[in-house]
């Protein structure tokens, strides 16, 4: 079992596997250069089926409805095509609301198989295709800075990194110029206003990187088209100092924000990539099987939540929690200079460089 780790790397080699949920067609070749928003593979998802009752819709008997049908079994129809009618005065007609194929037709009832839009897999980062898996996807490699988060709304965006305030705990408010936000990726400690979050879409902002997001705003953030990442969790946590330092060094640079959901099984999580060309590429860090003295960590418990520090040592004996459970713990030296005892289950390693 490896220690859970979050990567904050100012320069590293990044390798990402991008695969379709179902077999499909791969559109790239090994050695090809790709941009984050490029479609690298696509597949058709399962079509849906829609039951349409012309008898109820037009107020007809089964015999009348059958005589007024304008389509036959296995006909391909397009949105707006007449399915049945006209009947009555003024004449009424029933039109198709979707493209599809008639797969059932009897006594004025029909089932329309509705075509699904193809699923298009995006590259997710600027880089080069190093391997193609036929029918499934590709492996893409890139170089640059990498900052990972804990929550995202599953969107992709690119833009210029903009930092409105020099404080990592700064709240994003409506005090900004819409002209200045065109294609910008904003960095802030948090946003607490529903109105501010809704207004961002109108400004042309390309993405939002936050230290934390109030739980009450998660449903709205999930619906917005712009990518949003919470680096440290939920509530009112500032951007942790390690991530803030790296991001501040790249202010004004083009960044890629991929706010994919955190999936431990598929090894995907929300992240920010800042592409950089460098021949002297350091080796990517490897997750460790245990915490090590001096290792940088982040605390995920309610007390000291979001704070970072260094791992000092394991406690000689297990500690008792308020709920009566006895578990392993460690002494942590926080950046504010204080030492504290934290259960191992509430610690996360930070891969920092």
Protein backbone atom coordinates (compact mmCIF):
# COMPACT_ATOMS: atom_id res chain seq x y z
CA UNK A 1 0.00 0.00 0.00
CA UNK A 2 1.49 3.31 -1.09
CA UNK A 3 1.16 6.61 0.74
CA UNK A 4 -1.42 8.85 -1.00
CA UNK A 5 0.45 11.65 -2.73
CA UNK A 6 -0.37 14.94 -4.43
CA UNK A 7 2.13 16.35 -6.94
CA UNK A 8 3.30 19.97 -6.89
CA UNK A 9 6.16 19.98 -9.39
CA UNK A 10 7.71 23.06 -10.97
CA UNK A 11 9.25 20.92 -13.71
CA UNK A 12 8.64 17.27 -14.55
CA UNK A 13 7.88 14.77 -17.28
CA UNK A 14 4.14 14.12 -17.51
CA UNK A 15 2.72 10.90 -18.96
CA UNK A 16 -1.03 10.44 -19.33
CA UNK A 17 -3.05 7.50 -20.67
CA UNK A 18 -6.24 8.61 -22.47
CA UNK A 19 -8.73 5.82 -23.22
CA UNK A 20 -12.30 5.64 -24.53
CA UNK A 21 -15.04 4.20 -22.29
CA UNK A 22 -16.02 1.88 -25.18
CA UNK A 23 -14.11 0.60 -28.22
CA UNK A 24 -13.96 3.16 -31.01
CA UNK A 25 -11.64 4.85 -33.50
CA UNK A 26 -8.27 6.37 -32.64
CA UNK A 27 -7.56 9.51 -34.69
CA UNK A 28 -3.87 10.09 -33.91
CA UNK A 29 -0.60 8.30 -34.64
CA UNK A 30 2.52 7.69 -32.60
CA UNK A 31 4.91 10.64 -32.77
CA UNK A 32 2.15 13.14 -33.51
CA UNK A 33 2.08 16.46 -31.62
CA UNK A 34 -1.29 17.29 -30.04
CA UNK A 35 -2.91 20.19 -28.22
CA UNK A 36 -5.00 19.76 -25.07
CA UNK A 37 -8.33 20.36 -26.86
CA UNK A 38 -7.54 18.06 -29.83
CA UNK A 39 -9.85 15.05 -30.33
CA UNK A 40 -7.64 11.95 -30.27
CA UNK A 41 -10.36 9.25 -30.43
CA UNK A 42 -14.12 8.87 -30.67
CA UNK A 43 -16.83 6.27 -30.25
CA UNK A 44 -20.60 5.97 -30.49
CA UNK A 45 -22.45 5.55 -27.21
CA UNK A 46 -25.55 3.40 -26.74
CA UNK A 47 -28.60 4.92 -28.44
CA UNK A 48 -31.68 5.74 -26.39
CA UNK A 49 -35.29 4.80 -27.20
CA UNK A 50 -38.32 7.09 -27.07
CA UNK A 51 -41.91 5.81 -26.92
CA UNK A 52 -44.31 8.08 -28.84
CA UNK A 53 -48.10 7.57 -28.52
CA UNK A 54 -49.83 9.47 -31.33
CA UNK A 55 -53.23 8.34 -30.04
CA UNK A 56 -52.82 10.24 -26.79
CA UNK A 57 -51.01 13.21 -28.33
CA UNK A 58 -53.56 13.82 -31.11
CA UNK A 59 -56.63 12.43 -29.30
CA UNK A 60 -57.28 9.59 -31.77
CA UNK A 61 -58.50 6.01 -31.65
CA UNK A 62 -55.94 3.27 -32.47
CA UNK A 63 -57.51 2.80 -35.93
CA UNK A 64 -57.49 6.55 -36.70
CA UNK A 65 -53.92 6.92 -35.45
CA UNK A 66 -52.71 4.02 -37.58
CA UNK A 67 -54.29 5.51 -40.70
CA UNK A 68 -52.63 8.90 -40.13
CA UNK A 69 -49.07 7.64 -39.60
CA UNK A 70 -46.61 9.26 -42.04
CA UNK A 71 -43.70 6.88 -41.35
CA UNK A 72 -43.11 3.16 -41.75
CA UNK A 73 -41.16 0.65 -39.72
CA UNK A 74 -37.36 1.16 -40.00
CA UNK A 75 -37.75 4.60 -41.59
CA UNK A 76 -35.00 7.08 -40.77
CA UNK A 77 -36.47 10.36 -39.56
CA UNK A 78 -34.97 13.76 -38.87
CA UNK A 79 -35.89 16.33 -36.29
CA UNK A 80 -38.97 18.20 -37.52
CA UNK A 81 -40.23 15.42 -39.82
CA UNK A 82 -43.98 14.70 -39.63
CA UNK A 83 -44.70 11.43 -37.80
CA UNK A 84 -48.52 11.56 -37.89
CA UNK A 85 -51.36 13.82 -39.04
CA UNK A 86 -52.72 16.20 -40.04
CA UNK A 87 -55.98 15.94 -38.12
CA UNK A 88 -58.67 18.36 -36.96
CA UNK A 89 -59.16 22.05 -37.60
CA UNK A 90 -56.92 23.86 -37.42
CA UNK A 91 -54.88 20.88 -38.58
CA UNK A 92 -52.57 19.32 -35.98
CA UNK A 93 -49.47 17.27 -36.71
CA UNK A 94 -46.97 15.32 -34.66
CA UNK A 95 -43.33 15.98 -35.52
CA UNK A 96 -40.12 14.24 -34.51
CA UNK A 97 -38.15 16.02 -31.79
CA UNK A 98 -34.95 14.06 -32.52
CA UNK A 99 -33.14 12.31 -35.34
CA UNK A 100 -33.59 8.55 -35.23
CA UNK A 101 -35.02 5.34 -36.67
CA UNK A 102 -38.51 3.89 -36.22
CA UNK A 103 -37.91 0.46 -34.64
CA UNK A 104 -41.52 -0.30 -33.54
CA UNK A 105 -44.85 0.72 -35.07
CA UNK A 106 -48.31 -0.55 -34.18
CA UNK A 107 -51.80 0.95 -33.62
CA UNK A 108 -50.52 4.53 -33.58
CA UNK A 109 -47.68 3.86 -31.18
CA UNK A 110 -44.05 3.96 -32.25
CA UNK A 111 -40.62 3.64 -30.68
CA UNK A 112 -37.94 5.93 -32.04
CA UNK A 113 -34.32 4.90 -31.59
CA UNK A 114 -32.61 8.24 -30.99
CA UNK A 115 -29.06 8.64 -32.21
CA UNK A 116 -26.55 9.57 -29.53
CA UNK A 117 -23.84 12.13 -30.14
CA UNK A 118 -20.41 10.55 -30.58
CA UNK A 119 -18.17 10.57 -27.53
CA UNK A 120 -15.01 12.51 -28.33
CA UNK A 121 -11.88 11.93 -26.26
CA UNK A 122 -9.65 14.98 -25.84
CA UNK A 123 -5.88 14.89 -25.42
CA UNK A 124 -6.11 16.77 -22.13
CA UNK A 125 -2.63 18.32 -22.39
CA UNK A 126 -0.18 19.64 -24.96
CA UNK A 127 2.37 16.98 -25.83
CA UNK A 128 3.35 14.14 -28.10
CA UNK A 129 1.65 10.80 -28.69
CA UNK A 130 4.13 8.11 -27.62
CA UNK A 131 1.87 5.07 -27.93
CA UNK A 132 -1.41 4.20 -29.63
CA UNK A 133 -3.75 1.50 -28.35
CA UNK A 134 -5.93 0.55 -31.36
CA UNK A 135 -9.62 1.06 -30.72
CA UNK A 136 -9.07 2.50 -27.23
CA UNK A 137 -6.87 5.60 -27.13
CA UNK A 138 -3.29 6.78 -26.72
CA UNK A 139 -0.50 7.66 -24.32
CA UNK A 140 0.62 11.30 -24.36
CA UNK A 141 3.79 12.73 -22.86
CA UNK A 142 4.59 16.34 -22.05
CA UNK A 143 6.93 18.42 -19.91
CA UNK A 144 6.23 21.30 -17.57
CA UNK A 145 4.87 22.25 -14.17
CA UNK A 146 2.20 20.03 -12.59
CA UNK A 147 -0.16 21.01 -9.76
CA UNK A 148 -2.83 18.53 -8.69
CA UNK A 149 -6.09 19.19 -6.83
CA UNK A 150 -8.69 17.23 -4.91
CA UNK A 151 -11.94 18.17 -6.73
CA UNK A 152 -12.92 19.21 -10.25
CA UNK A 153 -16.09 19.67 -12.30
CA UNK A 154 -14.82 17.56 -15.24
CA UNK A 155 -14.10 20.30 -17.79
CA UNK A 156 -11.07 21.28 -19.86
CA UNK A 157 -9.77 24.77 -20.55
CA UNK A 158 -6.68 26.72 -21.64
CA UNK A 159 -5.74 30.31 -20.96
CA UNK A 160 -3.38 32.81 -19.41
CA UNK A 161 -2.86 32.43 -15.66
CA UNK A 162 -4.11 35.54 -13.86
CA UNK A 163 -3.69 36.15 -10.11
CA UNK A 164 -5.92 39.09 -9.02
CA UNK A 165 -4.49 39.19 -5.47
CA UNK A 166 -1.10 38.51 -3.88
CA UNK A 167 -2.76 36.69 -0.95
CA UNK A 168 -3.37 32.92 -1.17
CA UNK A 169 -6.52 33.28 0.97
CA UNK A 170 -8.06 36.06 -1.17
CA UNK A 171 -11.75 35.71 -1.97
CA UNK A 172 -12.78 36.18 -5.58
CA UNK A 173 -15.38 38.94 -5.76
CA UNK A 174 -17.21 40.73 -8.56
CA UNK A 175 -14.69 43.58 -8.51
CA UNK A 176 -13.03 42.84 -11.85
CA UNK A 177 -13.03 44.07 -15.41
CA UNK A 178 -14.68 41.68 -17.84
CA UNK A 179 -12.28 42.81 -20.58
CA UNK A 180 -9.30 41.74 -18.45
CA UNK A 181 -10.71 38.24 -17.94
CA UNK A 182 -11.01 37.14 -21.57
CA UNK A 183 -9.36 33.68 -21.83
CA UNK A 184 -7.91 34.01 -18.32
CA UNK A 185 -7.41 31.21 -15.81
CA UNK A 186 -8.04 32.84 -12.41
CA UNK A 187 -6.27 31.82 -9.18
CA UNK A 188 -7.92 32.68 -5.84
CA UNK A 189 -8.33 31.32 -2.33
CA UNK A 190 -12.07 30.80 -2.61
CA UNK A 191 -15.34 32.18 -3.94
CA UNK A 192 -18.36 32.36 -1.66
CA UNK A 193 -20.94 34.25 -3.74
CA UNK A 194 -23.39 32.48 -6.03
CA UNK A 195 -23.68 35.66 -8.10
CA UNK A 196 -19.92 35.93 -8.63
CA UNK A 197 -19.66 32.30 -9.68
CA UNK A 198 -22.54 32.68 -12.14
CA UNK A 199 -21.13 35.91 -13.58
CA UNK A 200 -17.79 34.31 -14.49
CA UNK A 201 -19.30 32.57 -17.51
CA UNK A 202 -20.34 35.92 -18.99
CA UNK A 203 -16.84 37.38 -18.68
CA UNK A 204 -15.21 34.86 -21.04
CA UNK A 205 -12.97 33.49 -18.28
CA UNK A 206 -11.39 30.18 -19.32
CA UNK A 207 -11.10 28.51 -15.91
CA UNK A 208 -10.87 28.86 -12.14
CA UNK A 209 -8.25 27.49 -9.72
CA UNK A 210 -9.27 27.74 -6.06
CA UNK A 211 -7.78 26.74 -2.76
CA UNK A 212 -11.23 25.60 -1.67
CA UNK A 213 -14.88 25.77 -2.64
CA UNK A 214 -17.85 25.99 -0.24
CA UNK A 215 -19.89 22.80 -0.35
CA UNK A 216 -23.04 24.82 -1.04
CA UNK A 217 -21.58 25.98 -4.39
CA UNK A 218 -20.57 22.52 -5.64
CA UNK A 219 -23.90 21.86 -7.50
CA UNK A 220 -23.60 25.18 -9.37
CA UNK A 221 -19.89 24.67 -10.11
CA UNK A 222 -20.68 21.22 -11.51
CA UNK A 223 -23.15 22.75 -14.01
CA UNK A 224 -20.89 25.54 -15.28
CA UNK A 225 -19.10 25.05 -18.60
CA UNK A 226 -15.80 26.50 -17.39
CA UNK A 227 -13.33 24.17 -15.62
CA UNK A 228 -13.07 24.65 -11.85
CA UNK A 229 -10.50 23.01 -9.55
CA UNK A 230 -10.31 23.01 -5.75
CA UNK A 231 -6.69 22.35 -4.80
CA UNK A 232 -7.13 21.77 -1.08
CA UNK A 233 -10.74 20.82 -0.39
CA UNK A 234 -14.05 22.38 0.62
CA UNK A 235 -14.86 25.28 2.90
CA UNK A 236 -12.70 28.41 3.20
CA UNK A 237 -9.14 27.09 2.88
CA UNK A 238 -6.46 29.22 1.22
CA UNK A 239 -4.29 27.93 -1.61
CA UNK A 240 -1.57 25.94 0.15
CA UNK A 241 1.81 27.74 0.08
CA UNK A 242 3.57 25.12 -2.06
CA UNK A 243 1.02 25.25 -4.89
CA UNK A 244 0.72 29.03 -4.60
CA UNK A 245 4.47 29.50 -4.95
CA UNK A 246 4.67 27.39 -8.13
CA UNK A 247 1.63 28.99 -9.71
CA UNK A 248 2.81 32.50 -8.85
CA UNK A 249 6.09 31.84 -10.64
CA UNK A 250 4.11 31.18 -13.84
CA UNK A 251 1.70 34.13 -13.70
CA UNK A 252 0.94 35.33 -17.22
CA UNK A 253 1.89 31.99 -18.77
CA UNK A 254 -0.40 29.77 -20.84
CA UNK A 255 -1.79 27.01 -18.61
CA UNK A 256 -4.02 23.99 -19.14
CA UNK A 257 -6.65 23.18 -16.52
CA UNK A 258 -8.10 19.67 -16.66
CA UNK A 259 -10.72 19.44 -13.90
CA UNK A 260 -11.41 15.71 -14.28
CA UNK A 261 -12.97 13.84 -11.36
CA UNK A 262 -10.59 12.23 -8.87
CA UNK A 263 -10.64 8.50 -9.61
CA UNK A 264 -8.15 6.48 -7.56
CA UNK A 265 -8.79 3.33 -9.60
CA UNK A 266 -8.03 4.96 -12.97
CA UNK A 267 -5.31 7.17 -11.46
CA UNK A 268 -6.92 10.38 -12.70
CA UNK A 269 -7.41 13.58 -10.74
CA UNK A 270 -7.95 17.29 -11.42
CA UNK A 271 -4.72 19.04 -12.35
CA UNK A 272 -3.10 22.13 -13.81
CA UNK A 273 -0.32 21.71 -16.39
CA UNK A 274 1.97 24.54 -17.47
CA UNK A 275 3.86 23.35 -20.59
CA UNK A 276 7.60 24.08 -20.59
CA UNK A 277 10.32 22.96 -22.96
CA UNK A 278 13.43 21.77 -21.11
CA UNK A 279 16.04 19.21 -22.16
CA UNK A 280 17.32 18.58 -18.61
CA UNK A 281 14.16 16.85 -17.47
CA UNK A 282 14.11 15.53 -13.88
CA UNK A 283 12.83 12.02 -13.25
CA UNK A 284 9.16 11.98 -12.17
CA UNK A 285 8.78 11.19 -8.44
CA UNK A 286 7.70 7.72 -7.37
CA UNK A 287 5.10 7.19 -4.65
CA UNK A 288 6.62 5.86 -1.45
CA UNK A 289 5.31 2.82 0.49
CA UNK A 290 5.51 4.70 3.82
CA UNK A 291 5.98 8.17 5.26
CA UNK A 292 9.60 9.25 5.65
CA UNK A 293 11.20 11.77 8.07
CA UNK A 294 11.46 15.19 6.42
CA UNK A 295 8.79 14.37 3.84
CA UNK A 296 6.44 17.24 3.03
CA UNK A 297 2.84 16.45 3.90
CA UNK A 298 -0.63 17.99 4.05
CA UNK A 299 -3.08 17.52 6.91
CA UNK A 300 -6.60 16.47 5.90
CA UNK A 301 -8.26 16.30 9.32
CA UNK A 302 -10.69 18.95 10.58
CA UNK A 303 -8.05 20.32 12.96
CA UNK A 304 -5.28 22.02 10.93
CA UNK A 305 -7.08 21.01 7.73
CA UNK A 306 -5.21 22.08 4.60
CA UNK A 307 -2.00 23.00 6.43
CA UNK A 308 1.31 21.68 5.14
CA UNK A 309 4.44 20.72 7.03
CA UNK A 310 7.11 18.08 7.42
CA UNK A 311 6.83 14.53 8.71
CA UNK A 312 8.94 14.15 11.88
CA UNK A 313 8.37 10.61 13.18
CA UNK A 314 5.79 7.97 14.00
CA UNK A 315 4.38 8.02 17.51
CA UNK A 316 5.73 5.17 19.64
CA UNK A 317 2.21 4.17 20.62
CA UNK A 318 -1.12 4.41 18.87
CA UNK A 319 -3.31 7.34 19.85
CA UNK A 320 -6.90 7.26 21.06
CA UNK A 321 -9.52 9.23 19.13
CA UNK A 322 -12.59 10.79 20.72
CA UNK A 323 -14.74 8.03 19.22
CA UNK A 324 -12.76 5.38 21.11
CA UNK A 325 -10.72 4.10 18.14
CA UNK A 326 -6.98 3.56 18.59
CA UNK A 327 -4.91 4.21 15.46
CA UNK A 328 -1.32 4.97 14.36
CA UNK A 329 -0.27 8.63 14.34
CA UNK A 330 2.76 10.80 13.67
CA UNK A 331 4.35 14.05 14.81
CA UNK A 332 4.18 16.78 12.17
CA UNK A 333 6.07 20.09 12.10
CA UNK A 334 3.72 22.63 10.52
CA UNK A 335 4.86 25.64 8.53
CA UNK A 336 3.61 27.95 11.29
CA UNK A 337 6.31 26.49 13.56
CA UNK A 338 4.08 24.29 15.71
CA UNK A 339 4.36 20.53 16.17
CA UNK A 340 1.18 18.47 16.23
CA UNK A 341 0.13 14.82 16.42
CA UNK A 342 -2.01 13.66 13.49
CA UNK A 343 -3.43 10.19 12.66
CA UNK A 344 -1.73 8.66 9.62
CA UNK A 345 -5.12 8.27 7.92
CA UNK A 346 -5.40 12.08 7.87
CA UNK A 347 -2.04 12.69 6.19
CA UNK A 348 -1.19 13.00 2.52
CA UNK A 349 2.29 13.17 1.07
CA UNK A 350 3.21 16.09 -1.18
CA UNK A 351 5.55 15.34 -4.05
CA UNK A 352 7.23 18.74 -4.33
CA UNK A 353 9.97 19.97 -6.62
